[in-house]
Structures are given as C-alpha cells and as structure tokens.
Amino acid sequence: MAQVSRRSERASAFTRNVDWNLFRTFLEIVEWGGISAAARAMNRQQPSISAALRRLEGHLGVELCERSAKGVELTAAGNALFDLCAGLRAQVNRMPLEVAKANGLVDGAVRIRMISDLVSPLLDRAIADFHVAFPGVELRLEVAPWRAIIKSLRTGDAEIGITCDSAPNMALQYVPVMREIQQLYCGPGHPCHGSAPLHPAELRHEGFILTGEDEPDELEHFRRRYGLGARTSGFAETLAEVRRLILLGVGLGFLPTDVANRERGDAACWPLLAPELLPSYEVYVVARASESLSTPARLGQCPAALHGGIGIT
C-alpha cells in the first residue's frame, strides 16, 4: 500500500512540475528525425532543443533516445512516450472543436482548392454530410492547377486541397481518395472515331489539346514516352474546355475516364487507347498539420472524414 501511495505521489508531482511544451518538442525531434532538423522546423536554436530533451528525460528518469551523427534512435521508453505524446496531441487538437460543437459555435469558412472537373461521389456525399452537420460553416471551393494547390497549402493560402501530387511534401498530410485514369479521346468528326484501340505511337503526328500546369506528371511522362503532343492544336485551362475542343474536332486530348463518360450517344468522345495502357495516378485530400488549421477545417480534418472513414489525423 505504501508503494502505491509513493507512486501516486510521484505521478502527481510529475504532472505539477513538468512543462507540457516538452512533449511537443519531443514529438518534433522524433518526427523530424533529429535535434537539428527539429530546431529548424520550430525556428529555435539547437541548444534549446537539446536542453528540452534533457529536461524531459530528467523528469522521467529515463533515456528517451540515443543521439548519433545520423539523428536519433528511440529507446523502448522513447517509443512508449512517443505513442502517448501523439495521442495527447490529438486530444489537445480536438479541444477547441469539441467545445465549439457543444456550444453550437462552429462557423466561419473552409477554403478548399481542387483540381478541375473531379468526379467523386464519395467526396460529393462527404461535402453534403459536412454541410448538414455544420450548416454555419461556409465551404469555399476553388478550382486550380494541381501544382498551384500544393503551393497554396504550403504557404497557408488554402487549408484543404483535393489534388494529385507525384512527389508528396513532408510538411503536408495526404489521404488517398480515388485513383483517376486518363484516356485519349477524339471527337465525332475525327477519322479514328469508332475505330478499334490504337497504339499510342500511331497518334504521334496528330494535333493535341494540352492543359499546361494542370497536367499530372504521370500523364506528361506517358505522352513524352510515345511522342504525343509534339504538335499542339489547342490549349485549355480546365477539363471541361478540353472536352469541348475535342468534341469540336480541334484535336485529340486526354481526359479522366469519369469526366469523358459523362457524354453519351453519338456526340460522345471516342476512346483511342487500350485499357491496359492507360496512365493513372492517386488523387488525395491534402492538408497542413492539424494544429495550423482553423477550427472549421479541423472538424474531422476534411469534409471527406465524415464519410467512409476518410480523414487526416
């Protein structure tokens, strides 16, 4: 009984005396892979980060990680504490959300930037569910090229992005939502309309409609591999306008299959490539670290989190 009492006293003293910011610093050290990297990320001096780690180890009476020239490696105690700190951070992040929800005070705006003409019933349902749950939050949807979306998330000009990204940024959080498949199409008046699937190399001399910054890297690499798009016959900023130019006979163009399949009947875009050749890529819900998001944006981290288990934690 005396041992239980002493353990309880030590735990109580630890809670009273520890600086809770030390836990956040410890998380940064682990997540950035070292003291120097954590200092840069937190805009602090390296000695202050080292001192914070030593203070935390002093409070706990154990060594949390082993330092080396390559960074830090967690001890068994460090691994246990990391899991606890990650859970603690998640709970702290949810505090303003839960208080706001309990008092019916959730309002404001969430700025969502997304690639053009995205066809995703899952995201549509999620956004509708979000509005039902939080009618006081204004959803601002903006269409932009995928590179501009990633840049706006890094700079804080947007809170949530729905986009592709061939080289995910470590400062952002990614949740895959769907895989978009691209097909090459021609319009009703083109000689290839109604033909059997062709090899891409057979179309290298055709005029193409391009999309510039909005073209995913995977699609650009596919085009260049087969020499497609060397002759440009049109350019459009959005997929809807690419589809328009294809149907008008201006040239061949790539479209996501879900976008092209909106068309039916004789005026539909005609697919030219065999399905097994088609380029594809992941589309993600992307956000900054949760602590940097506004309260509305952190409600589940993204609208899609309210449907089907998609979310960023």
Protein backbone atom coordinates (compact mmCIF):
# COMPACT_ATOMS: atom_id res chain seq x y z
CA MET A 1 0.00 0.00 0.00
CA ALA A 2 2.87 2.34 0.80
CA GLN A 3 4.39 1.63 -2.66
CA VAL A 4 1.12 2.54 -4.38
CA SER A 5 0.97 5.76 -2.37
CA ARG A 6 4.55 6.69 -3.31
CA ARG A 7 3.89 6.01 -7.00
CA SER A 8 0.77 8.18 -6.83
CA GLU A 9 2.75 11.00 -5.20
CA ARG A 10 5.47 10.80 -7.86
CA ALA A 11 2.89 10.90 -10.65
CA SER A 12 1.16 13.87 -9.05
CA ALA A 13 4.48 15.71 -8.69
CA PHE A 14 5.37 14.96 -12.31
CA THR A 15 2.04 16.40 -13.51
CA ARG A 16 2.54 19.56 -11.40
CA ASN A 17 6.16 20.19 -12.35
CA VAL A 18 6.61 19.11 -15.97
CA ASP A 19 6.50 21.70 -18.74
CA TRP A 20 3.93 20.31 -21.18
CA ASN A 21 5.71 22.01 -24.08
CA LEU A 22 8.47 19.44 -23.64
CA PHE A 23 6.16 16.77 -25.04
CA ARG A 24 5.60 18.79 -28.21
CA THR A 25 9.35 19.32 -28.57
CA PHE A 26 9.92 15.58 -28.15
CA LEU A 27 7.38 14.86 -30.90
CA GLU A 28 9.12 17.31 -33.23
CA ILE A 29 12.52 15.69 -32.58
CA VAL A 30 11.17 12.24 -33.43
CA GLU A 31 9.08 13.31 -36.42
CA TRP A 32 11.85 15.38 -37.99
CA GLY A 33 14.45 12.70 -37.29
CA GLY A 34 16.86 14.68 -35.16
CA ILE A 35 17.54 17.66 -32.95
CA SER A 36 18.98 19.89 -35.68
CA ALA A 37 16.07 19.26 -38.05
CA ALA A 38 13.56 19.87 -35.25
CA ALA A 39 15.29 23.14 -34.35
CA ARG A 40 14.99 24.34 -37.95
CA ALA A 41 11.35 23.29 -38.17
CA MET A 42 10.48 25.07 -34.91
CA ASN A 43 12.66 28.10 -35.69
CA ARG A 44 14.63 27.63 -32.49
CA GLN A 45 18.30 27.23 -31.60
CA GLN A 46 19.66 23.70 -31.47
CA PRO A 47 20.98 24.00 -27.86
CA SER A 48 17.49 24.89 -26.60
CA ILE A 49 16.03 21.77 -28.24
CA SER A 50 18.79 19.61 -26.73
CA ALA A 51 18.17 21.15 -23.31
CA ALA A 52 14.43 20.50 -23.60
CA LEU A 53 15.08 16.83 -24.33
CA ARG A 54 17.41 16.56 -21.35
CA ARG A 55 14.80 18.21 -19.08
CA LEU A 56 12.13 15.76 -20.21
CA GLU A 57 14.45 12.82 -19.62
CA GLY A 58 15.24 14.27 -16.19
CA HIS A 59 11.54 14.47 -15.29
CA LEU A 60 11.01 10.87 -16.34
CA GLY A 61 14.30 9.48 -15.06
CA VAL A 62 14.99 7.54 -18.28
CA GLU A 63 16.86 7.99 -21.54
CA LEU A 64 14.40 8.51 -24.40
CA CYS A 65 16.68 8.34 -27.40
CA GLU A 66 20.24 7.71 -28.44
CA ARG A 67 21.93 10.55 -30.33
CA SER A 68 24.21 9.99 -33.31
CA ALA A 69 25.51 11.89 -36.31
CA LYS A 70 22.59 10.48 -38.32
CA GLY A 71 19.93 11.69 -35.90
CA VAL A 72 18.16 9.99 -33.02
CA GLU A 73 17.03 6.44 -32.36
CA LEU A 74 14.30 5.88 -29.78
CA THR A 75 14.80 3.62 -26.80
CA ALA A 76 11.98 1.37 -25.61
CA ALA A 77 10.94 4.13 -23.20
CA GLY A 78 11.10 6.68 -26.01
CA ASN A 79 8.84 4.60 -28.23
CA ALA A 80 6.31 4.27 -25.43
CA LEU A 81 6.38 8.01 -24.75
CA PHE A 82 6.09 8.86 -28.45
CA ASP A 83 2.82 6.92 -28.74
CA LEU A 84 1.48 8.65 -25.62
CA CYS A 85 2.52 12.10 -26.86
CA ALA A 86 0.93 11.53 -30.26
CA GLY A 87 -2.34 10.61 -28.54
CA LEU A 88 -2.04 13.63 -26.24
CA ARG A 89 -1.53 15.96 -29.20
CA ALA A 90 -4.60 14.53 -30.92
CA GLN A 91 -6.69 15.15 -27.79
CA VAL A 92 -5.39 18.70 -27.38
CA ASN A 93 -6.11 19.44 -31.04
CA ARG A 94 -9.71 18.35 -30.58
CA MET A 95 -10.38 20.54 -27.54
CA PRO A 96 -11.50 23.70 -29.39
CA LEU A 97 -13.55 21.59 -31.77
CA GLU A 98 -15.45 19.78 -29.06
CA VAL A 99 -16.06 22.98 -27.09
CA ALA A 100 -17.30 24.77 -30.21
CA LYS A 101 -19.59 21.89 -31.16
CA ALA A 102 -21.01 21.64 -27.64
CA ASN A 103 -21.91 25.31 -27.69
CA GLY A 104 -23.18 25.42 -31.27
CA LEU A 105 -20.47 27.92 -32.17
CA VAL A 106 -18.98 26.27 -35.24
CA ASP A 107 -18.99 28.85 -38.00
CA GLY A 108 -16.53 30.54 -40.32
CA ALA A 109 -15.22 29.29 -43.65
CA VAL A 110 -13.17 26.43 -45.05
CA ARG A 111 -11.23 27.15 -48.23
CA ILE A 112 -10.90 24.06 -50.40
CA ARG A 113 -8.85 24.16 -53.60
CA MET A 114 -9.34 21.28 -56.02
CA ILE A 115 -8.40 20.13 -59.49
CA SER A 116 -10.98 20.75 -62.19
CA ASP A 117 -13.94 18.51 -63.03
CA LEU A 118 -13.19 15.91 -60.36
CA VAL A 119 -15.80 13.13 -60.42
CA SER A 120 -16.04 11.55 -56.96
CA PRO A 121 -19.42 10.53 -55.48
CA LEU A 122 -17.64 9.87 -52.19
CA LEU A 123 -16.41 13.45 -51.90
CA ASP A 124 -19.79 14.80 -53.03
CA ARG A 125 -21.56 12.88 -50.26
CA ALA A 126 -18.93 13.91 -47.73
CA ILE A 127 -19.33 17.61 -48.53
CA ALA A 128 -23.11 17.30 -48.32
CA ASP A 129 -22.83 15.50 -44.96
CA PHE A 130 -20.44 18.16 -43.69
CA HIS A 131 -22.93 20.90 -44.54
CA VAL A 132 -25.75 19.07 -42.76
CA ALA A 133 -23.59 18.58 -39.66
CA PHE A 134 -22.16 22.14 -39.65
CA PRO A 135 -24.53 24.47 -41.55
CA GLY A 136 -22.81 27.55 -40.13
CA VAL A 137 -19.55 26.78 -41.95
CA GLU A 138 -19.14 28.32 -45.39
CA LEU A 139 -17.45 25.99 -47.89
CA ARG A 140 -15.40 27.87 -50.48
CA LEU A 141 -14.50 25.65 -53.45
CA GLU A 142 -11.84 26.96 -55.83
CA VAL A 143 -10.53 25.25 -58.96
CA ALA A 144 -6.78 25.46 -59.59
CA PRO A 145 -3.94 23.52 -61.28
CA TRP A 146 -2.55 20.80 -59.05
CA ARG A 147 0.85 22.48 -58.60
CA ALA A 148 -0.85 25.72 -57.53
CA ILE A 149 -2.92 23.77 -54.99
CA ILE A 150 0.15 22.24 -53.36
CA LYS A 151 1.88 25.64 -53.27
CA SER A 152 -1.18 27.31 -51.67
CA LEU A 153 -1.27 24.63 -48.97
CA ARG A 154 2.42 25.11 -48.18
CA THR A 155 2.03 28.89 -47.95
CA GLY A 156 -1.23 28.77 -45.98
CA ASP A 157 -3.39 30.33 -48.70
CA ALA A 158 -5.65 27.26 -48.58
CA GLU A 159 -6.43 24.84 -45.78
CA ILE A 160 -7.55 21.76 -47.69
CA GLY A 161 -6.67 20.56 -51.18
CA ILE A 162 -8.10 17.80 -53.34
CA THR A 163 -5.40 17.07 -55.86
CA CYS A 164 -2.81 14.74 -57.32
CA ASP A 165 0.87 15.06 -56.37
CA SER A 166 3.68 12.96 -57.82
CA ALA A 167 6.11 13.94 -55.04
CA PRO A 168 4.23 14.29 -51.70
CA ASN A 169 5.59 17.05 -49.45
CA MET A 170 6.68 16.02 -45.94
CA ALA A 171 5.15 19.18 -44.45
CA LEU A 172 1.67 18.16 -45.63
CA GLN A 173 -0.64 15.28 -44.81
CA TYR A 174 -2.09 13.07 -47.56
CA VAL A 175 -5.07 10.73 -47.62
CA PRO A 176 -5.75 8.84 -50.89
CA VAL A 177 -9.35 9.25 -52.04
CA MET A 178 -9.51 7.74 -55.52
CA ARG A 179 -7.43 6.72 -58.50
CA GLU A 180 -8.00 8.77 -61.64
CA ILE A 181 -7.44 7.07 -65.01
CA GLN A 182 -6.69 9.06 -68.16
CA GLN A 183 -7.77 8.04 -71.66
CA LEU A 184 -7.02 9.64 -75.03
CA TYR A 185 -10.14 10.76 -76.93
CA CYS A 186 -11.19 12.10 -80.31
CA GLY A 187 -14.40 13.80 -81.39
CA PRO A 188 -17.20 12.52 -83.66
CA GLY A 189 -15.70 14.01 -86.81
CA HIS A 190 -12.23 12.53 -86.42
CA PRO A 191 -11.18 9.68 -88.78
CA CYS A 192 -10.36 7.48 -85.76
CA HIS A 193 -13.85 7.83 -84.24
CA GLY A 194 -15.36 4.35 -83.95
CA SER A 195 -12.04 2.57 -84.51
CA ALA A 196 -10.55 -0.30 -82.50
CA PRO A 197 -7.94 0.62 -79.86
CA LEU A 198 -4.73 2.04 -81.34
CA HIS A 199 -1.14 2.01 -80.15
CA PRO A 200 -0.05 5.45 -78.84
CA ALA A 201 2.81 5.65 -81.34
CA GLU A 202 0.28 5.62 -84.19
CA LEU A 203 -1.05 9.00 -82.99
CA ARG A 204 2.19 10.91 -82.51
CA HIS A 205 1.63 13.14 -85.54
CA GLU A 206 -1.89 14.20 -84.53
CA GLY A 207 -2.70 17.65 -83.17
CA PHE A 208 -3.23 17.61 -79.40
CA ILE A 209 -5.14 19.73 -76.89
CA LEU A 210 -2.96 20.33 -73.83
CA THR A 211 -3.67 21.65 -70.33
CA GLY A 212 -0.33 23.12 -69.21
CA GLU A 213 0.10 23.31 -65.44
CA ASP A 214 -2.95 21.13 -64.81
CA GLU A 215 -1.40 18.08 -66.48
CA PRO A 216 -0.37 15.42 -63.93
CA ASP A 217 3.26 14.33 -64.10
CA GLU A 218 2.25 10.73 -64.81
CA LEU A 219 0.32 11.85 -67.90
CA GLU A 220 3.14 14.10 -69.12
CA HIS A 221 5.62 11.22 -68.81
CA PHE A 222 3.25 8.94 -70.75
CA ARG A 223 2.89 11.50 -73.55
CA ARG A 224 6.60 12.05 -73.85
CA ARG A 225 7.33 8.32 -73.86
CA TYR A 226 5.25 7.90 -77.02
CA GLY A 227 5.93 11.32 -78.56
CA LEU A 228 2.36 12.54 -78.12
CA GLY A 229 1.57 16.25 -78.09
CA ALA A 230 4.54 17.39 -80.17
CA ARG A 231 2.03 19.16 -82.40
CA THR A 232 -0.36 21.35 -80.39
CA SER A 233 -3.72 22.23 -81.91
CA GLY A 234 -5.41 23.61 -78.80
CA PHE A 235 -4.96 24.60 -75.16
CA ALA A 236 -7.45 24.81 -72.29
CA GLU A 237 -7.18 25.54 -68.57
CA THR A 238 -9.97 23.17 -67.45
CA LEU A 239 -11.03 19.67 -68.43
CA ALA A 240 -14.50 20.87 -69.41
CA GLU A 241 -12.92 23.09 -72.05
CA VAL A 242 -10.60 20.29 -73.19
CA ARG A 243 -13.69 18.13 -73.74
CA ARG A 244 -15.36 20.96 -75.65
CA LEU A 245 -12.39 21.29 -78.03
CA ILE A 246 -12.22 17.52 -78.55
CA LEU A 247 -15.91 17.38 -79.48
CA LEU A 248 -15.47 20.33 -81.85
CA GLY A 249 -12.76 18.42 -83.71
CA VAL A 250 -9.89 20.74 -82.78
CA GLY A 251 -7.64 17.83 -81.81
CA LEU A 252 -7.08 14.78 -79.65
CA GLY A 253 -6.98 15.17 -75.89
CA PHE A 254 -6.59 13.28 -72.65
CA LEU A 255 -9.45 13.26 -70.14
CA PRO A 256 -10.11 11.32 -66.95
CA THR A 257 -12.39 8.45 -67.92
CA ASP A 258 -15.07 9.53 -65.42
CA VAL A 259 -15.14 13.01 -66.95
CA ALA A 260 -15.42 11.72 -70.52
CA ASN A 261 -18.07 9.17 -69.57
CA ARG A 262 -20.48 11.97 -68.75
CA GLU A 263 -21.04 12.15 -72.51
CA ARG A 264 -23.45 9.67 -74.07
CA GLY A 265 -24.73 8.99 -77.57
CA ASP A 266 -23.25 9.82 -80.98
CA ALA A 267 -21.63 13.05 -79.73
CA ALA A 268 -19.54 11.26 -77.09
CA CYS A 269 -15.76 11.41 -77.04
CA TRP A 270 -14.30 8.24 -78.52
CA PRO A 271 -11.58 6.35 -76.53
CA LEU A 272 -8.49 5.57 -78.60
CA LEU A 273 -6.15 3.52 -76.37
CA ALA A 274 -6.37 0.01 -74.95
CA PRO A 275 -7.34 -0.02 -71.24
CA GLU A 276 -4.15 -1.79 -70.16
CA LEU A 277 -2.03 1.12 -71.45
CA LEU A 278 -3.82 3.96 -69.70
CA PRO A 279 -1.84 6.22 -67.32
CA SER A 280 -3.28 6.73 -63.83
CA TYR A 281 -2.47 8.45 -60.52
CA GLU A 282 -3.79 8.89 -56.99
CA VAL A 283 -5.99 11.82 -56.01
CA TYR A 284 -5.56 12.89 -52.38
CA VAL A 285 -7.19 15.03 -49.77
CA VAL A 286 -4.23 17.12 -48.62
CA ALA A 287 -3.96 19.41 -45.58
CA ARG A 288 -1.39 21.19 -43.47
CA ALA A 289 -0.59 19.91 -39.99
CA SER A 290 -3.77 19.90 -37.93
CA GLU A 291 -2.57 22.45 -35.39
CA SER A 292 -2.23 25.06 -38.13
CA LEU A 293 -5.80 24.64 -39.41
CA SER A 294 -8.78 26.75 -38.41
CA THR A 295 -11.47 25.23 -36.21
CA PRO A 296 -13.90 24.54 -39.10
CA ALA A 297 -11.16 22.89 -41.17
CA ARG A 298 -10.15 20.69 -38.25
CA LEU A 299 -13.64 19.21 -37.87
CA GLY A 300 -12.53 15.75 -38.85
CA GLN A 301 -9.62 17.43 -40.69
CA CYS A 302 -11.53 17.45 -44.00
CA PRO A 303 -15.13 17.11 -45.21
CA ALA A 304 -14.39 13.61 -46.51
CA ALA A 305 -13.57 12.49 -42.97
CA LEU A 306 -17.29 12.50 -42.22
CA HIS A 307 -17.98 9.79 -44.77
CA GLY A 308 -16.45 6.40 -45.25
CA GLY A 309 -13.61 6.83 -42.78
CA ILE A 310 -11.53 9.17 -44.95
CA GLY A 311 -9.66 11.68 -42.83
CA ILE A 312 -6.36 13.06 -41.70
CA THR A 313 -5.28 12.63 -38.11
